N, C-alpha and C. Protein backbone atom coordinates (compact mmCIF):
# COMPACT_ATOMS: atom_id res chain seq x y z
N MET A 1 -18.59 8.10 2.46
CA MET A 1 -18.73 6.92 1.39
C MET A 1 -19.17 6.26 1.59
N ALA A 2 -19.55 5.56 0.01
CA ALA A 2 -20.89 4.50 -0.27
C ALA A 2 -20.27 3.34 -0.04
N ASP A 3 -21.57 2.66 0.65
CA ASP A 3 -21.38 1.36 0.32
C ASP A 3 -20.70 0.35 -0.65
N GLN A 4 -19.76 -0.29 -0.52
CA GLN A 4 -19.40 -1.08 -1.64
C GLN A 4 -20.60 -2.36 -1.97
N GLU A 5 -20.59 -2.77 -3.33
CA GLU A 5 -21.67 -3.96 -2.91
C GLU A 5 -20.26 -5.15 -2.81
N PRO A 6 -21.36 -6.21 -1.89
CA PRO A 6 -20.42 -7.12 -1.43
C PRO A 6 -19.55 -8.12 -2.50
N GLN A 7 -19.02 -8.83 -2.33
CA GLN A 7 -18.23 -9.21 -3.16
C GLN A 7 -18.32 -11.01 -2.88
N LEU A 8 -18.50 -11.78 -4.00
CA LEU A 8 -18.41 -12.88 -4.42
C LEU A 8 -17.27 -13.52 -4.50
N LEU A 9 -17.29 -14.65 -3.31
CA LEU A 9 -16.18 -15.21 -2.99
C LEU A 9 -16.18 -16.43 -3.26
N ASP A 10 -15.25 -17.15 -3.92
CA ASP A 10 -15.24 -18.53 -4.35
C ASP A 10 -14.18 -19.10 -3.44
N LEU A 11 -14.79 -20.32 -2.97
CA LEU A 11 -14.37 -20.72 -1.90
C LEU A 11 -14.05 -22.48 -2.11
N ILE A 12 -13.28 -23.06 -1.64
CA ILE A 12 -12.74 -24.83 -1.97
C ILE A 12 -13.00 -25.56 -0.51
N PHE A 13 -13.48 -26.33 -0.75
CA PHE A 13 -13.90 -27.25 0.53
C PHE A 13 -13.48 -28.88 -0.25
N ARG A 14 -12.98 -29.42 0.93
CA ARG A 14 -12.98 -30.68 0.61
C ARG A 14 -14.15 -31.74 1.57
N TRP A 15 -14.31 -32.49 0.90
CA TRP A 15 -15.51 -33.66 1.77
C TRP A 15 -15.45 -34.94 1.02
N SER A 16 -15.71 -35.84 1.70
CA SER A 16 -15.76 -37.46 1.42
C SER A 16 -14.22 -37.68 0.02
N ASN A 17 -13.39 -37.26 0.25
CA ASN A 17 -11.78 -37.16 -0.44
C ASN A 17 -12.22 -36.33 -2.27
N ASP A 18 -13.77 -35.55 -2.33
CA ASP A 18 -13.54 -34.87 -3.34
C ASP A 18 -13.49 -33.87 -2.97
N VAL A 19 -13.20 -32.64 -3.96
CA VAL A 19 -12.74 -31.26 -3.78
C VAL A 19 -13.88 -30.49 -4.38
N TYR A 20 -14.39 -29.64 -3.72
CA TYR A 20 -15.88 -28.56 -4.16
C TYR A 20 -15.31 -27.12 -4.26
N HIS A 21 -16.42 -26.76 -4.96
CA HIS A 21 -15.87 -25.31 -4.99
C HIS A 21 -17.52 -24.72 -4.55
N VAL A 22 -17.62 -23.54 -4.29
CA VAL A 22 -18.66 -22.89 -3.97
C VAL A 22 -18.56 -21.30 -3.74
N SER A 23 -19.58 -20.33 -4.19
CA SER A 23 -19.61 -19.08 -4.07
C SER A 23 -20.69 -18.83 -3.29
N ILE A 24 -19.78 -17.79 -2.51
CA ILE A 24 -20.53 -17.04 -1.46
C ILE A 24 -20.38 -15.58 -1.44
N LEU A 25 -21.83 -14.65 -1.17
CA LEU A 25 -21.17 -13.50 -0.93
C LEU A 25 -20.91 -13.04 0.49
N GLU A 26 -19.78 -12.27 0.49
CA GLU A 26 -19.17 -12.15 1.72
C GLU A 26 -20.08 -11.82 2.80
N ASN A 27 -21.34 -10.84 2.19
CA ASN A 27 -22.19 -10.53 3.63
C ASN A 27 -23.15 -11.43 4.17
N ALA A 28 -23.06 -12.88 3.55
CA ALA A 28 -23.42 -14.00 3.85
C ALA A 28 -23.45 -14.61 5.27
N GLN A 29 -24.18 -15.21 5.58
CA GLN A 29 -24.04 -15.83 7.03
C GLN A 29 -23.44 -17.23 6.87
N ILE A 30 -22.59 -17.56 7.88
CA ILE A 30 -22.25 -18.88 7.67
C ILE A 30 -23.11 -20.26 7.61
N LEU A 31 -24.16 -19.71 7.65
CA LEU A 31 -25.47 -20.75 7.51
C LEU A 31 -25.68 -21.09 5.97
N ASP A 32 -25.94 -19.70 5.31
CA ASP A 32 -25.78 -19.61 4.32
C ASP A 32 -25.17 -20.52 3.63
N LEU A 33 -23.89 -20.51 4.10
CA LEU A 33 -22.62 -21.68 3.21
C LEU A 33 -22.67 -22.62 3.16
N LYS A 34 -23.60 -23.10 4.48
CA LYS A 34 -23.35 -24.31 4.83
C LYS A 34 -24.76 -25.21 4.07
N LYS A 35 -26.01 -24.12 3.66
CA LYS A 35 -26.81 -24.73 2.99
C LYS A 35 -26.28 -24.78 1.74
N SER A 36 -25.04 -23.89 1.32
CA SER A 36 -25.03 -24.00 -0.36
C SER A 36 -24.15 -25.59 -0.36
N ILE A 37 -23.20 -25.92 0.55
CA ILE A 37 -22.51 -27.13 0.89
C ILE A 37 -23.30 -28.11 0.65
N ALA A 38 -24.45 -28.04 1.48
CA ALA A 38 -25.45 -29.49 1.64
C ALA A 38 -26.21 -29.49 0.14
N THR A 39 -26.19 -28.49 -0.65
CA THR A 39 -26.67 -28.55 -2.31
C THR A 39 -25.76 -29.58 -2.94
N LEU A 40 -24.56 -29.42 -2.51
CA LEU A 40 -23.36 -30.30 -3.07
C LEU A 40 -23.30 -31.43 -2.58
N THR A 41 -23.37 -31.66 -1.07
CA THR A 41 -22.64 -32.85 -0.42
C THR A 41 -24.02 -33.48 0.22
N ASN A 42 -25.14 -33.30 -0.06
CA ASN A 42 -25.96 -33.96 0.69
C ASN A 42 -25.88 -33.85 2.23
N VAL A 43 -25.07 -33.01 2.87
CA VAL A 43 -24.85 -32.89 4.38
C VAL A 43 -25.72 -31.99 4.64
N SER A 44 -26.41 -32.34 5.75
CA SER A 44 -27.46 -31.34 6.44
C SER A 44 -26.48 -30.34 6.88
N PRO A 45 -26.90 -28.83 6.85
CA PRO A 45 -26.12 -27.91 7.51
C PRO A 45 -26.02 -28.42 9.11
N ALA A 46 -27.13 -28.83 9.55
CA ALA A 46 -26.43 -29.50 11.06
C ALA A 46 -25.81 -30.15 11.37
N SER A 47 -25.46 -31.05 10.57
CA SER A 47 -24.83 -32.00 10.59
C SER A 47 -23.38 -31.64 10.37
N GLN A 48 -22.77 -30.26 9.86
CA GLN A 48 -21.86 -29.99 8.90
C GLN A 48 -20.77 -29.63 10.37
N THR A 49 -19.42 -29.71 10.35
CA THR A 49 -18.37 -29.33 10.99
C THR A 49 -17.52 -28.56 10.06
N LEU A 50 -17.29 -27.33 9.74
CA LEU A 50 -15.95 -26.31 8.98
C LEU A 50 -14.90 -26.27 9.64
N VAL A 51 -14.14 -27.02 9.28
CA VAL A 51 -12.39 -26.91 9.76
C VAL A 51 -11.90 -25.93 8.67
N GLY A 52 -10.98 -25.33 9.08
CA GLY A 52 -10.05 -24.47 8.36
C GLY A 52 -10.65 -22.81 8.24
N LEU A 53 -11.40 -22.30 8.77
CA LEU A 53 -12.00 -20.96 8.82
C LEU A 53 -11.08 -20.65 9.91
N VAL A 54 -10.79 -19.38 9.50
CA VAL A 54 -9.82 -18.44 10.62
C VAL A 54 -10.40 -18.25 12.03
N SER A 55 -11.41 -18.38 12.15
CA SER A 55 -12.13 -17.85 13.64
C SER A 55 -13.14 -18.88 13.74
N PRO A 56 -13.47 -19.34 15.30
CA PRO A 56 -14.65 -19.73 15.37
C PRO A 56 -15.89 -19.73 14.83
N VAL A 57 -16.55 -20.91 14.23
CA VAL A 57 -17.59 -20.59 13.59
C VAL A 57 -18.84 -20.51 14.47
N ASN A 58 -20.13 -19.80 13.81
CA ASN A 58 -21.43 -20.13 14.44
C ASN A 58 -22.18 -19.38 13.04
N ASN A 59 -23.64 -20.46 13.06
CA ASN A 59 -24.34 -20.12 12.09
C ASN A 59 -24.84 -18.66 11.34
N GLU A 60 -24.59 -17.61 12.55
CA GLU A 60 -24.94 -16.35 12.68
C GLU A 60 -23.89 -15.32 11.98
N SER A 61 -22.87 -15.97 12.32
CA SER A 61 -21.44 -15.14 11.79
C SER A 61 -21.64 -14.58 10.47
N ILE A 62 -21.01 -13.64 10.34
CA ILE A 62 -21.28 -13.09 8.76
C ILE A 62 -19.89 -13.59 8.04
N ILE A 63 -19.59 -14.31 6.88
CA ILE A 63 -18.89 -14.48 6.11
C ILE A 63 -17.52 -13.54 6.44
N SER A 64 -17.53 -12.45 5.92
CA SER A 64 -16.68 -11.12 5.93
C SER A 64 -15.96 -11.23 7.42
N SER A 65 -16.10 -11.65 8.44
CA SER A 65 -15.74 -11.64 9.68
C SER A 65 -14.75 -12.55 10.04
N HIS A 66 -14.45 -13.63 8.72
CA HIS A 66 -13.61 -14.47 9.06
C HIS A 66 -12.41 -14.56 8.38
N ASN A 67 -12.34 -13.22 7.41
CA ASN A 67 -11.53 -12.45 6.66
C ASN A 67 -10.76 -13.56 5.64
N LEU A 68 -11.98 -14.16 5.02
CA LEU A 68 -11.73 -15.38 3.72
C LEU A 68 -11.38 -14.48 2.62
N GLN A 69 -10.38 -14.98 2.07
CA GLN A 69 -10.08 -14.64 0.52
C GLN A 69 -10.52 -15.28 -0.50
N PRO A 70 -10.76 -15.19 -2.03
CA PRO A 70 -11.31 -16.08 -2.66
C PRO A 70 -10.12 -17.04 -2.73
N GLY A 71 -10.68 -18.30 -3.09
CA GLY A 71 -9.78 -19.76 -3.05
C GLY A 71 -9.68 -20.08 -1.77
N HIS A 72 -9.56 -19.60 -0.76
CA HIS A 72 -9.61 -20.68 0.61
C HIS A 72 -10.18 -21.61 0.55
N LYS A 73 -9.21 -22.41 1.31
CA LYS A 73 -9.15 -24.15 1.52
C LYS A 73 -10.04 -24.29 2.64
N PHE A 74 -10.93 -25.17 2.85
CA PHE A 74 -11.18 -25.75 4.35
C PHE A 74 -11.97 -27.00 4.08
N VAL A 75 -12.36 -27.66 5.31
CA VAL A 75 -12.54 -29.12 5.29
C VAL A 75 -14.01 -28.92 5.63
N VAL A 76 -15.11 -30.07 5.20
CA VAL A 76 -16.12 -30.21 5.41
C VAL A 76 -16.06 -31.72 6.31
N LEU A 77 -16.30 -31.64 7.46
CA LEU A 77 -16.95 -33.03 7.99
C LEU A 77 -18.44 -33.18 8.26
N GLY A 78 -18.88 -34.52 7.83
CA GLY A 78 -20.65 -34.58 8.15
C GLY A 78 -20.92 -35.83 7.01
N LYS A 79 -21.71 -36.40 7.84
CA LYS A 79 -22.46 -37.65 6.94
C LYS A 79 -23.55 -37.21 6.07
N ALA A 80 -23.68 -37.69 4.56
CA ALA A 80 -24.64 -37.45 3.70
C ALA A 80 -25.50 -37.82 4.18
N SER A 81 -27.21 -37.18 4.10
CA SER A 81 -28.58 -37.85 4.67
C SER A 81 -28.38 -39.18 3.68
N HIS A 82 -27.94 -39.31 2.51
CA HIS A 82 -28.07 -40.13 1.43
C HIS A 82 -26.81 -39.83 0.45
N MET A 83 -25.78 -40.78 0.07
CA MET A 83 -24.87 -40.59 -0.60
C MET A 83 -25.11 -40.47 -1.75
N PRO A 84 -24.67 -39.58 -2.49
CA PRO A 84 -25.23 -39.36 -4.18
C PRO A 84 -24.26 -40.40 -4.89
N LYS A 85 -24.86 -41.01 -5.54
CA LYS A 85 -23.98 -41.83 -6.64
C LYS A 85 -23.74 -41.39 -7.88
N LEU A 86 -22.59 -41.14 -7.73
CA LEU A 86 -21.97 -40.54 -9.22
C LEU A 86 -21.77 -41.66 -10.39
N THR A 87 -22.42 -41.50 -11.03
CA THR A 87 -22.41 -42.44 -12.72
C THR A 87 -20.64 -42.06 -13.33
N ASP A 88 -20.15 -42.99 -13.87
CA ASP A 88 -19.10 -43.02 -14.37
C ASP A 88 -19.14 -41.48 -15.02
N ARG A 89 -20.03 -41.35 -16.03
CA ARG A 89 -19.79 -39.98 -17.19
C ARG A 89 -20.25 -38.87 -15.91
N ASP A 90 -20.86 -38.83 -14.44
CA ASP A 90 -20.59 -37.66 -13.41
C ASP A 90 -19.35 -37.15 -13.06
N ARG A 91 -18.74 -38.59 -12.95
CA ARG A 91 -17.18 -38.60 -12.31
C ARG A 91 -16.43 -37.63 -12.96
N LEU A 92 -16.84 -38.02 -15.11
CA LEU A 92 -16.05 -37.50 -16.00
C LEU A 92 -16.21 -35.80 -16.00
N ALA A 93 -17.57 -35.69 -15.87
CA ALA A 93 -17.90 -34.30 -15.87
C ALA A 93 -17.48 -33.63 -14.64
N HIS A 94 -17.28 -34.06 -13.27
CA HIS A 94 -16.98 -33.07 -11.95
C HIS A 94 -15.31 -33.28 -12.69
N GLU A 95 -14.71 -33.89 -13.05
CA GLU A 95 -13.24 -33.71 -13.46
C GLU A 95 -13.19 -32.62 -14.55
N LYS A 96 -13.83 -32.39 -15.44
CA LYS A 96 -13.98 -31.56 -16.25
C LYS A 96 -14.14 -30.09 -15.73
N ILE A 97 -15.39 -29.93 -15.01
CA ILE A 97 -15.56 -28.75 -14.18
C ILE A 97 -14.35 -28.05 -13.26
N THR A 98 -13.86 -29.11 -12.93
CA THR A 98 -12.83 -29.07 -11.54
C THR A 98 -11.81 -28.30 -12.59
N SER A 99 -11.40 -28.78 -13.53
CA SER A 99 -10.17 -28.47 -14.91
C SER A 99 -10.48 -26.98 -15.10
N ILE A 100 -11.85 -26.86 -15.56
CA ILE A 100 -12.32 -25.80 -16.18
C ILE A 100 -12.09 -24.38 -15.01
N ARG A 101 -12.93 -24.82 -13.97
CA ARG A 101 -12.39 -24.08 -13.03
C ARG A 101 -10.92 -23.34 -12.24
N THR A 102 -10.48 -24.60 -12.45
CA THR A 102 -8.71 -24.06 -11.97
C THR A 102 -8.45 -23.22 -13.42
N ASP A 103 -8.47 -23.36 -14.15
CA ASP A 103 -8.15 -22.90 -15.38
C ASP A 103 -8.46 -21.26 -15.54
N PHE A 104 -10.00 -21.60 -15.28
CA PHE A 104 -10.84 -20.13 -15.08
C PHE A 104 -10.19 -19.19 -13.87
N ILE A 105 -9.68 -19.40 -12.78
CA ILE A 105 -9.39 -19.01 -11.42
C ILE A 105 -8.03 -18.07 -12.17
N LYS A 106 -7.06 -19.21 -12.68
CA LYS A 106 -6.14 -18.30 -13.09
C LYS A 106 -5.92 -17.43 -14.34
N ILE A 107 -6.85 -17.61 -15.32
CA ILE A 107 -7.17 -16.69 -15.98
C ILE A 107 -7.85 -15.42 -15.16
N GLN A 108 -8.96 -15.73 -14.60
CA GLN A 108 -9.42 -14.37 -13.90
C GLN A 108 -8.42 -13.57 -13.02
N GLY A 109 -7.49 -14.53 -12.43
CA GLY A 109 -6.68 -13.74 -11.91
C GLY A 109 -5.53 -12.74 -12.61
N THR A 110 -4.42 -13.69 -13.22
CA THR A 110 -3.40 -13.14 -13.99
C THR A 110 -3.89 -12.84 -15.45
N SER A 111 -4.10 -13.01 -16.24
CA SER A 111 -4.84 -12.76 -17.41
C SER A 111 -5.51 -11.57 -17.50
N LEU A 112 -7.00 -11.56 -16.52
CA LEU A 112 -7.37 -10.21 -16.69
C LEU A 112 -6.54 -9.21 -16.14
N PHE A 113 -5.84 -9.15 -15.04
CA PHE A 113 -4.83 -8.39 -14.83
C PHE A 113 -3.98 -7.56 -15.72
N GLN A 114 -3.32 -8.38 -16.42
CA GLN A 114 -2.23 -8.15 -17.61
C GLN A 114 -2.94 -7.66 -18.75
N LEU A 115 -4.53 -8.17 -19.14
CA LEU A 115 -5.09 -7.74 -20.06
C LEU A 115 -5.35 -5.94 -19.83
N GLN A 116 -5.78 -5.62 -18.63
CA GLN A 116 -6.09 -4.49 -18.18
C GLN A 116 -5.02 -3.65 -18.34
N SER A 117 -4.28 -3.82 -17.77
CA SER A 117 -2.53 -3.14 -18.17
C SER A 117 -2.66 -2.82 -19.39
N GLN A 118 -2.42 -3.99 -20.03
CA GLN A 118 -2.10 -3.93 -21.61
C GLN A 118 -3.10 -2.62 -22.19
N VAL A 119 -4.26 -2.77 -21.83
CA VAL A 119 -5.42 -2.00 -22.53
C VAL A 119 -5.30 -0.42 -21.97
N GLU A 120 -4.71 0.07 -20.92
CA GLU A 120 -4.64 0.86 -20.53
C GLU A 120 -3.11 1.50 -20.98
N ALA A 121 -2.24 1.07 -21.12
CA ALA A 121 -1.32 1.20 -21.91
C ALA A 121 -1.58 1.71 -22.90
N ALA A 122 -2.37 0.79 -23.90
CA ALA A 122 -2.52 1.10 -25.05
C ALA A 122 -3.62 2.39 -25.37
N LYS A 123 -4.46 2.59 -24.51
CA LYS A 123 -5.33 4.08 -23.84
C LYS A 123 -4.35 4.97 -24.09
N GLU A 124 -3.22 5.16 -23.25
CA GLU A 124 -2.73 5.88 -23.01
C GLU A 124 -1.75 6.53 -24.27
N LYS A 125 -1.43 5.47 -24.99
CA LYS A 125 -0.70 5.71 -26.08
C LYS A 125 -1.32 5.45 -27.31
N GLY A 126 -2.51 6.49 -27.55
CA GLY A 126 -3.64 6.10 -28.31
C GLY A 126 -2.60 6.23 -29.76
N GLU A 127 -2.30 6.69 -29.82
CA GLU A 127 -1.33 7.09 -31.53
C GLU A 127 -0.88 5.44 -31.64
N ASN A 128 -0.47 4.72 -31.03
CA ASN A 128 0.27 3.89 -31.34
C ASN A 128 -0.63 2.34 -31.62
N ALA A 129 -0.62 2.45 -32.83
CA ALA A 129 -1.70 1.41 -33.89
C ALA A 129 -1.42 -0.03 -33.12
N GLU A 130 -0.23 -0.11 -32.99
CA GLU A 130 0.26 -1.69 -33.17
C GLU A 130 0.25 -2.17 -31.79
N LEU A 131 0.37 -1.22 -30.48
CA LEU A 131 0.03 -1.54 -29.32
C LEU A 131 -1.84 -1.70 -28.89
N ARG A 132 -2.40 -1.15 -29.90
CA ARG A 132 -3.83 -1.28 -29.72
C ARG A 132 -4.31 -2.54 -30.09
N LYS A 133 -3.60 -2.70 -31.35
CA LYS A 133 -3.66 -4.19 -32.05
C LYS A 133 -3.38 -5.23 -30.87
N LYS A 134 -2.43 -5.03 -30.52
CA LYS A 134 -1.73 -6.26 -29.63
C LYS A 134 -2.71 -6.43 -28.36
N ALA A 135 -2.83 -5.81 -27.74
CA ALA A 135 -4.15 -5.60 -26.63
C ALA A 135 -5.46 -5.87 -27.37
N HIS A 136 -5.97 -5.39 -28.33
CA HIS A 136 -7.31 -6.26 -28.65
C HIS A 136 -6.97 -7.41 -28.96
N LEU A 137 -5.94 -8.25 -29.75
CA LEU A 137 -6.16 -9.51 -30.25
C LEU A 137 -5.78 -10.17 -28.85
N LEU A 138 -5.46 -9.86 -27.66
CA LEU A 138 -5.01 -10.44 -26.45
C LEU A 138 -6.46 -10.95 -25.77
N CYS A 139 -7.33 -9.89 -26.02
CA CYS A 139 -8.74 -9.60 -25.09
C CYS A 139 -9.34 -10.89 -25.87
N ALA A 140 -9.44 -10.66 -27.17
CA ALA A 140 -10.02 -11.62 -28.35
C ALA A 140 -9.46 -12.90 -28.03
N THR A 141 -8.43 -13.37 -27.64
CA THR A 141 -7.86 -14.78 -27.52
C THR A 141 -8.53 -14.88 -26.36
N GLU A 142 -8.55 -14.32 -25.24
CA GLU A 142 -9.11 -14.78 -24.09
C GLU A 142 -10.56 -15.28 -24.12
N ALA A 143 -10.92 -14.36 -24.49
CA ALA A 143 -12.45 -13.63 -25.05
C ALA A 143 -13.14 -15.29 -25.67
N GLU A 144 -12.18 -15.67 -26.95
CA GLU A 144 -12.41 -17.27 -27.59
C GLU A 144 -12.05 -18.25 -26.61
N LYS A 145 -11.30 -18.41 -25.65
CA LYS A 145 -10.89 -19.34 -24.69
C LYS A 145 -12.27 -19.84 -24.01
N LEU A 146 -12.90 -18.68 -23.55
CA LEU A 146 -13.85 -18.54 -22.60
C LEU A 146 -15.19 -19.16 -23.42
N THR A 147 -15.02 -18.79 -24.56
CA THR A 147 -16.17 -19.53 -25.28
C THR A 147 -15.96 -20.95 -25.67
N GLN A 148 -15.01 -21.02 -25.65
CA GLN A 148 -14.48 -22.86 -25.75
C GLN A 148 -15.31 -23.48 -24.67
N TRP A 149 -14.97 -22.57 -23.32
CA TRP A 149 -14.96 -23.49 -22.38
C TRP A 149 -16.62 -23.84 -21.95
N LEU A 150 -17.23 -22.56 -22.47
CA LEU A 150 -18.99 -22.60 -21.90
C LEU A 150 -19.23 -23.55 -23.25
N THR A 151 -18.73 -24.22 -24.27
CA THR A 151 -19.42 -24.90 -25.37
C THR A 151 -18.80 -26.06 -24.79
N GLN A 152 -17.88 -26.57 -23.81
CA GLN A 152 -17.52 -27.89 -22.69
C GLN A 152 -18.35 -28.02 -22.13
N LEU A 153 -18.80 -26.66 -21.38
CA LEU A 153 -19.35 -27.06 -20.17
C LEU A 153 -21.07 -27.41 -20.63
N ASP A 154 -21.49 -26.70 -21.87
CA ASP A 154 -22.96 -26.56 -22.25
C ASP A 154 -23.00 -28.54 -22.93
N SER A 155 -22.02 -28.96 -23.57
CA SER A 155 -22.04 -30.23 -23.85
C SER A 155 -22.00 -31.35 -22.73
N LEU A 156 -21.50 -31.01 -21.53
CA LEU A 156 -21.31 -32.04 -20.69
C LEU A 156 -23.00 -32.86 -20.06
N PRO A 157 -22.85 -34.21 -20.26
CA PRO A 157 -23.97 -34.62 -19.66
C PRO A 157 -23.92 -34.84 -18.27
N VAL A 158 -25.00 -33.84 -17.56
CA VAL A 158 -24.64 -34.26 -16.12
C VAL A 158 -25.67 -34.69 -15.53
N THR A 159 -25.64 -35.49 -14.71
CA THR A 159 -27.47 -36.32 -14.33
C THR A 159 -27.56 -35.70 -12.59
N SER A 160 -26.38 -35.68 -11.79
CA SER A 160 -26.34 -34.97 -10.51
C SER A 160 -26.50 -34.07 -10.06
N LEU A 161 -27.48 -33.71 -9.68
CA LEU A 161 -27.90 -32.20 -9.07
C LEU A 161 -27.02 -31.14 -8.74
N PRO A 162 -25.72 -31.69 -8.01
CA PRO A 162 -24.96 -31.32 -7.22
C PRO A 162 -24.09 -30.51 -8.31
N LEU A 163 -23.51 -31.51 -9.31
CA LEU A 163 -22.92 -31.18 -10.46
C LEU A 163 -23.39 -30.52 -11.30
N ARG A 164 -24.56 -30.24 -11.58
CA ARG A 164 -25.45 -29.28 -12.46
C ARG A 164 -25.40 -27.92 -11.59
N SER A 165 -25.43 -28.14 -10.75
CA SER A 165 -25.48 -26.65 -9.72
C SER A 165 -23.82 -26.39 -9.91
N GLN A 166 -22.90 -26.87 -10.07
CA GLN A 166 -21.55 -26.44 -9.99
C GLN A 166 -21.51 -25.78 -11.52
N ARG A 167 -21.86 -26.79 -12.81
CA ARG A 167 -21.93 -26.32 -13.68
C ARG A 167 -22.46 -24.92 -14.06
N LYS A 168 -23.96 -24.66 -13.47
CA LYS A 168 -24.50 -23.62 -13.65
C LYS A 168 -23.61 -22.54 -13.13
N ALA A 169 -23.16 -22.67 -11.78
CA ALA A 169 -22.61 -21.48 -11.31
C ALA A 169 -21.37 -21.09 -12.06
N LEU A 170 -20.67 -21.95 -12.28
CA LEU A 170 -19.18 -21.90 -13.36
C LEU A 170 -20.02 -21.28 -14.67
N VAL A 171 -20.95 -21.43 -15.15
CA VAL A 171 -21.10 -21.15 -16.60
C VAL A 171 -21.13 -19.38 -16.53
N ARG A 172 -21.90 -18.98 -15.23
CA ARG A 172 -22.46 -17.49 -15.11
C ARG A 172 -20.52 -17.05 -14.85
N GLU A 173 -20.08 -17.12 -13.78
CA GLU A 173 -18.83 -16.71 -14.02
C GLU A 173 -18.01 -16.55 -15.20
N VAL A 174 -17.99 -17.73 -15.89
CA VAL A 174 -17.11 -17.68 -17.23
C VAL A 174 -18.14 -16.36 -18.31
N LEU A 175 -19.37 -16.68 -18.18
CA LEU A 175 -20.06 -15.39 -19.19
C LEU A 175 -19.45 -13.92 -18.42
N ALA A 176 -19.57 -14.00 -17.17
CA ALA A 176 -19.30 -12.48 -16.51
C ALA A 176 -17.80 -11.78 -17.00
N LEU A 177 -17.08 -13.24 -17.50
CA LEU A 177 -15.85 -12.81 -17.26
C LEU A 177 -15.27 -12.63 -19.33
N SER A 178 -16.01 -13.19 -19.75
CA SER A 178 -16.35 -13.28 -21.15
C SER A 178 -16.44 -11.67 -21.79
N GLU A 179 -17.50 -10.94 -20.87
CA GLU A 179 -18.41 -10.00 -21.02
C GLU A 179 -17.44 -8.74 -20.84
N ARG A 180 -16.67 -9.04 -19.52
CA ARG A 180 -15.35 -8.30 -19.55
C ARG A 180 -14.49 -7.98 -20.27
N PHE A 181 -14.02 -9.24 -20.90
CA PHE A 181 -13.01 -9.32 -21.88
C PHE A 181 -13.51 -8.70 -23.12
N ASP A 182 -14.86 -8.35 -23.44
CA ASP A 182 -15.51 -8.22 -24.81
C ASP A 182 -15.43 -6.46 -24.34
N GLU A 183 -16.02 -6.23 -23.30
CA GLU A 183 -15.64 -4.72 -22.78
C GLU A 183 -14.06 -4.33 -23.27
N LEU A 184 -13.11 -5.03 -22.76
CA LEU A 184 -11.94 -4.37 -22.92
C LEU A 184 -11.36 -4.26 -24.20
N ALA A 185 -11.49 -5.59 -25.04
CA ALA A 185 -11.64 -5.66 -26.42
C ALA A 185 -11.96 -4.61 -27.48
N SER A 186 -13.19 -4.18 -26.72
CA SER A 186 -13.76 -3.18 -27.85
C SER A 186 -13.53 -1.47 -27.21
N SER A 187 -12.65 -1.42 -25.92
CA SER A 187 -12.43 -0.27 -25.89
C SER A 187 -11.02 -0.08 -26.72
N VAL A 188 -10.31 -0.76 -26.88
CA VAL A 188 -9.17 -0.53 -27.62
C VAL A 188 -9.26 -1.07 -29.30
N ARG A 189 -10.81 -1.04 -29.83
CA ARG A 189 -10.81 -1.58 -31.29
C ARG A 189 -9.62 -0.35 -32.18
N VAL A 190 -9.17 -1.10 -33.27
CA VAL A 190 -8.24 -0.45 -34.13
C VAL A 190 -9.10 -0.11 -35.25
């Protein structure tokens, strides 16, 4: 059996009354996760305590050994070496990024599955042009929504380095899903 490519997990954590998203490969170590968290919070890995992971945490343990699912929530305890000061503009950007990420996760989970089912049904009934047209239209609609999000993210003025990092990661994820929708749409062209 061939080795599967490690899955990218999107995890959600709370620190200092704010919610953050961090993406990490399941074959990475907890120390790698802590380093990613440090880029968002300025809490050094050595100062972090991760609360809410399934089993005891040590820096060398592998993420997959904790049986985490995408969207798993946990809390980070620790004091930042220097508190990042968010401007009002950055706070608005953080809210927009969080809003888009929430909608993105919904589309990634439900819409993609529904669209894949529609596309498979359209392919099975190749002679049914109406079903193919409907599947194509749904794919195009979802791809357009993602394009609008990319435009919104691109136009967000962000000065905070952690927010820029979050925005960049979300843009990559949205682009990947958009490409998937484009592939689905082209597979059922009418």
